[in-house]
C-alpha atoms as a PDB file:
ATOM      1  CA  MET A   1     102.561 110.443 113.121  1.00  0.00           C
ATOM      2  CA  LYS A   2      98.902 110.091 112.758  1.00  0.00           C
ATOM      3  CA  TYR A   3      97.054 107.668 110.991  1.00  0.00           C
ATOM      4  CA  ALA A   4      93.570 107.450 110.108  1.00  0.00           C
ATOM      5  CA  ILE A   5      90.911 104.692 108.682  1.00  0.00           C
ATOM      6  CA  ILE A   6      88.831 106.259 105.715  1.00  0.00           C
ATOM      7  CA  GLN A   7      86.039 105.083 104.024  1.00  0.00           C
ATOM      8  CA  SER A   8      85.638 106.126  99.850  1.00  0.00           C
ATOM      9  CA  GLY A   9      84.020 103.903  97.652  1.00  0.00           C
ATOM     10  CA  GLY A  10      82.696 101.145  99.977  1.00  0.00           C
ATOM     11  CA  LYS A  11      86.304 100.246 101.045  1.00  0.00           C
ATOM     12  CA  GLN A  12      88.106 101.156 104.233  1.00  0.00           C
ATOM     13  CA  TYR A  13      92.136 102.207 104.238  1.00  0.00           C
ATOM     14  CA  GLN A  14      94.415 103.174 106.717  1.00  0.00           C
ATOM     15  CA  VAL A  15      96.413 105.952 105.853  1.00  0.00           C
ATOM     16  CA  LYS A  16      99.064 108.383 107.374  1.00  0.00           C
ATOM     17  CA  ALA A  17     100.916 111.285 105.706  1.00  0.00           C
ATOM     18  CA  GLY A  18     102.830 111.116 102.707  1.00  0.00           C
ATOM     19  CA  ASP A  19     100.855 107.814 101.794  1.00  0.00           C
ATOM     20  CA  THR A  20      99.619 107.494  98.081  1.00  0.00           C
ATOM     21  CA  LEU A  21      97.222 104.589  97.337  1.00  0.00           C
ATOM     22  CA  LYS A  22      94.308 104.276  94.848  1.00  0.00           C
ATOM     23  CA  ILE A  23      90.373 104.452  95.146  1.00  0.00           C
ATOM     24  CA  GLU A  24      87.570 104.045  93.504  1.00  0.00           C
ATOM     25  CA  LYS A  25      86.874 106.746  90.960  1.00  0.00           C
ATOM     26  CA  ILE A  26      85.913 110.183  92.131  1.00  0.00           C
ATOM     27  CA  ILE A  27      85.542 113.353  90.358  1.00  0.00           C
ATOM     28  CA  ALA A  28      87.786 115.422  90.358  1.00  0.00           C
ATOM     29  CA  LYS A  29      90.808 117.214  88.326  1.00  0.00           C
ATOM     30  CA  LYS A  30      94.732 116.293  88.443  1.00  0.00           C
ATOM     31  CA  ASP A  31      96.579 118.171  90.966  1.00  0.00           C
ATOM     32  CA  GLU A  32      93.296 118.999  92.724  1.00  0.00           C
ATOM     33  CA  GLU A  33      93.231 119.137  96.102  1.00  0.00           C
ATOM     34  CA  ILE A  34      90.466 117.031  98.001  1.00  0.00           C
ATOM     35  CA  GLU A  35      88.787 116.227 101.377  1.00  0.00           C
ATOM     36  CA  LEU A  36      87.767 113.043 102.356  1.00  0.00           C
ATOM     37  CA  LYS A  37      85.211 113.735 105.294  1.00  0.00           C
ATOM     38  CA  GLU A  38      84.327 109.846 106.135  1.00  0.00           C
ATOM     39  CA  VAL A  39      87.074 109.229 109.239  1.00  0.00           C
ATOM     40  CA  PHE A  40      86.269 106.359 111.150  1.00  0.00           C
ATOM     41  CA  LEU A  41      89.476 106.571 113.869  1.00  0.00           C
ATOM     42  CA  ILE A  42      92.402 108.700 114.006  1.00  0.00           C
ATOM     43  CA  PHE A  43      95.575 107.799 116.093  1.00  0.00           C
ATOM     44  CA  ASP A  44      98.387 109.662 116.765  1.00  0.00           C
ATOM     45  CA  ASP A  45     101.291 107.590 117.722  1.00  0.00           C
ATOM     46  CA  GLU A  46     103.718 110.407 119.713  1.00  0.00           C
ATOM     47  CA  THR A  47     101.068 111.152 122.442  1.00  0.00           C
ATOM     48  CA  LYS A  48      98.673 107.819 122.125  1.00  0.00           C
ATOM     49  CA  ALA A  49      95.441 109.283 121.519  1.00  0.00           C
ATOM     50  CA  ILE A  50      92.582 107.603 119.478  1.00  0.00           C
ATOM     51  CA  LYS A  51      89.665 109.526 118.786  1.00  0.00           C
ATOM     52  CA  ILE A  52      86.683 106.745 117.235  1.00  0.00           C
ATOM     53  CA  GLY A  53      84.074 108.180 115.810  1.00  0.00           C
ATOM     54  CA  LYS A  54      80.545 107.122 116.427  1.00  0.00           C
ATOM     55  CA  PRO A  55      80.377 106.335 113.127  1.00  0.00           C
ATOM     56  CA  ILE A  56      82.781 109.044 111.939  1.00  0.00           C
ATOM     57  CA  VAL A  57      84.670 110.981 113.671  1.00  0.00           C
ATOM     58  CA  ALA A  58      83.398 114.763 114.160  1.00  0.00           C
ATOM     59  CA  LYS A  59      85.196 117.778 112.649  1.00  0.00           C
ATOM     60  CA  ALA A  60      88.119 115.377 111.129  1.00  0.00           C
ATOM     61  CA  VAL A  61      89.071 115.540 107.509  1.00  0.00           C
ATOM     62  CA  VAL A  62      91.893 113.670 105.733  1.00  0.00           C
ATOM     63  CA  LYS A  63      93.121 115.998 102.620  1.00  0.00           C
ATOM     64  CA  ALA A  64      94.655 114.839  99.694  1.00  0.00           C
ATOM     65  CA  LYS A  65      96.175 116.063  95.969  1.00  0.00           C
ATOM     66  CA  VAL A  66      94.747 113.727  92.945  1.00  0.00           C
ATOM     67  CA  LEU A  67      97.886 112.239  91.068  1.00  0.00           C
ATOM     68  CA  GLU A  68      96.380 110.470  88.824  1.00  0.00           C
ATOM     69  CA  GLN A  69      92.710 109.298  86.745  1.00  0.00           C
ATOM     70  CA  GLY A  70      93.176 105.882  85.382  1.00  0.00           C
ATOM     71  CA  ARG A  71      91.735 102.851  84.157  1.00  0.00           C
ATOM     72  CA  ALA A  72      93.445  99.596  86.142  1.00  0.00           C
ATOM     73  CA  GLN A  73      94.825  96.156  83.579  1.00  0.00           C
ATOM     74  CA  LYS A  74      92.185  94.493  81.608  1.00  0.00           C
ATOM     75  CA  ILE A  75      91.062  91.530  83.342  1.00  0.00           C
ATOM     76  CA  ASP A  76      89.333  88.813  81.359  1.00  0.00           C
ATOM     77  CA  VAL A  77      85.701  87.117  82.291  1.00  0.00           C
ATOM     78  CA  ILE A  78      85.359  83.493  81.026  1.00  0.00           C
ATOM     79  CA  LYS A  79      81.873  82.236  81.070  1.00  0.00           C
ATOM     80  CA  TYR A  80      81.550  78.767  79.985  1.00  0.00           C
ATOM     81  CA  LYS A  81      79.002  75.524  80.242  1.00  0.00           C
ATOM     82  CA  ARG A  82      80.274  72.438  78.913  1.00  0.00           C
ATOM     83  CA  LYS A  83      77.855  70.071  76.590  1.00  0.00           C
ATOM     84  CA  VAL A  84      75.990  73.513  75.245  1.00  0.00           C
ATOM     85  CA  ARG A  85      78.492  75.145  73.019  1.00  0.00           C
ATOM     86  CA  TYR A  86      78.083  78.180  75.200  1.00  0.00           C
ATOM     87  CA  ARG A  87      81.392  80.342  75.446  1.00  0.00           C
ATOM     88  CA  LYS A  88      81.862  84.265  76.272  1.00  0.00           C
ATOM     89  CA  LYS A  89      84.857  86.135  76.950  1.00  0.00           C
ATOM     90  CA  TYR A  90      84.474  89.650  78.041  1.00  0.00           C
ATOM     91  CA  GLY A  91      86.921  92.277  79.525  1.00  0.00           C
ATOM     92  CA  HIS A  92      86.817  94.852  82.234  1.00  0.00           C
ATOM     93  CA  ARG A  93      89.012  97.752  83.227  1.00  0.00           C
ATOM     94  CA  GLN A  94      88.250  99.252  86.772  1.00  0.00           C
ATOM     95  CA  PRO A  95      88.359 103.170  86.736  1.00  0.00           C
ATOM     96  CA  PHE A  96      90.464 104.442  89.412  1.00  0.00           C
ATOM     97  CA  THR A  97      91.944 107.616  91.060  1.00  0.00           C
ATOM     98  CA  LYS A  98      95.592 107.828  92.736  1.00  0.00           C
ATOM     99  CA  LEU A  99      95.755 110.001  95.639  1.00  0.00           C
ATOM    100  CA  ALA A 100      98.678 111.621  98.028  1.00  0.00           C
ATOM    101  CA  ILE A 101      97.777 111.690 101.322  1.00  0.00           C
ATOM    102  CA  THR A 102      98.883 115.424 102.708  1.00  0.00           C
ATOM    103  CA  GLU A 103      97.505 115.640 106.131  1.00  0.00           C
ATOM    104  CA  ILE A 104      95.331 114.619 108.802  1.00  0.00           C
ATOM    105  CA  VAL A 105      93.522 117.210 110.364  1.00  0.00           C
ATOM    106  CA  GLY A 106      91.031 116.242 113.363  1.00  0.00           C
END
């Protein structure tokens, strides 16, 4: 079983083949195959081989399939200042892309 540390949207994720994860929205259509090229580390559990990048591993790619494009649940943001009758409420829904990891090549 291979594991990889990848970066997407300024965040890092540990993934393996068969995982599903939500990342920051990327421009891709549903059921499209994409390649994530920012791979920092690859670890092969069977041979105990580790490839560490400086900062990324050369010629390493994580292949994934786009399952869904959506928006997360609403988060209410409330600003309040006492004694001055200042209240402000608004909401935010973060867009995301749901991926299924198919293969780690490297």
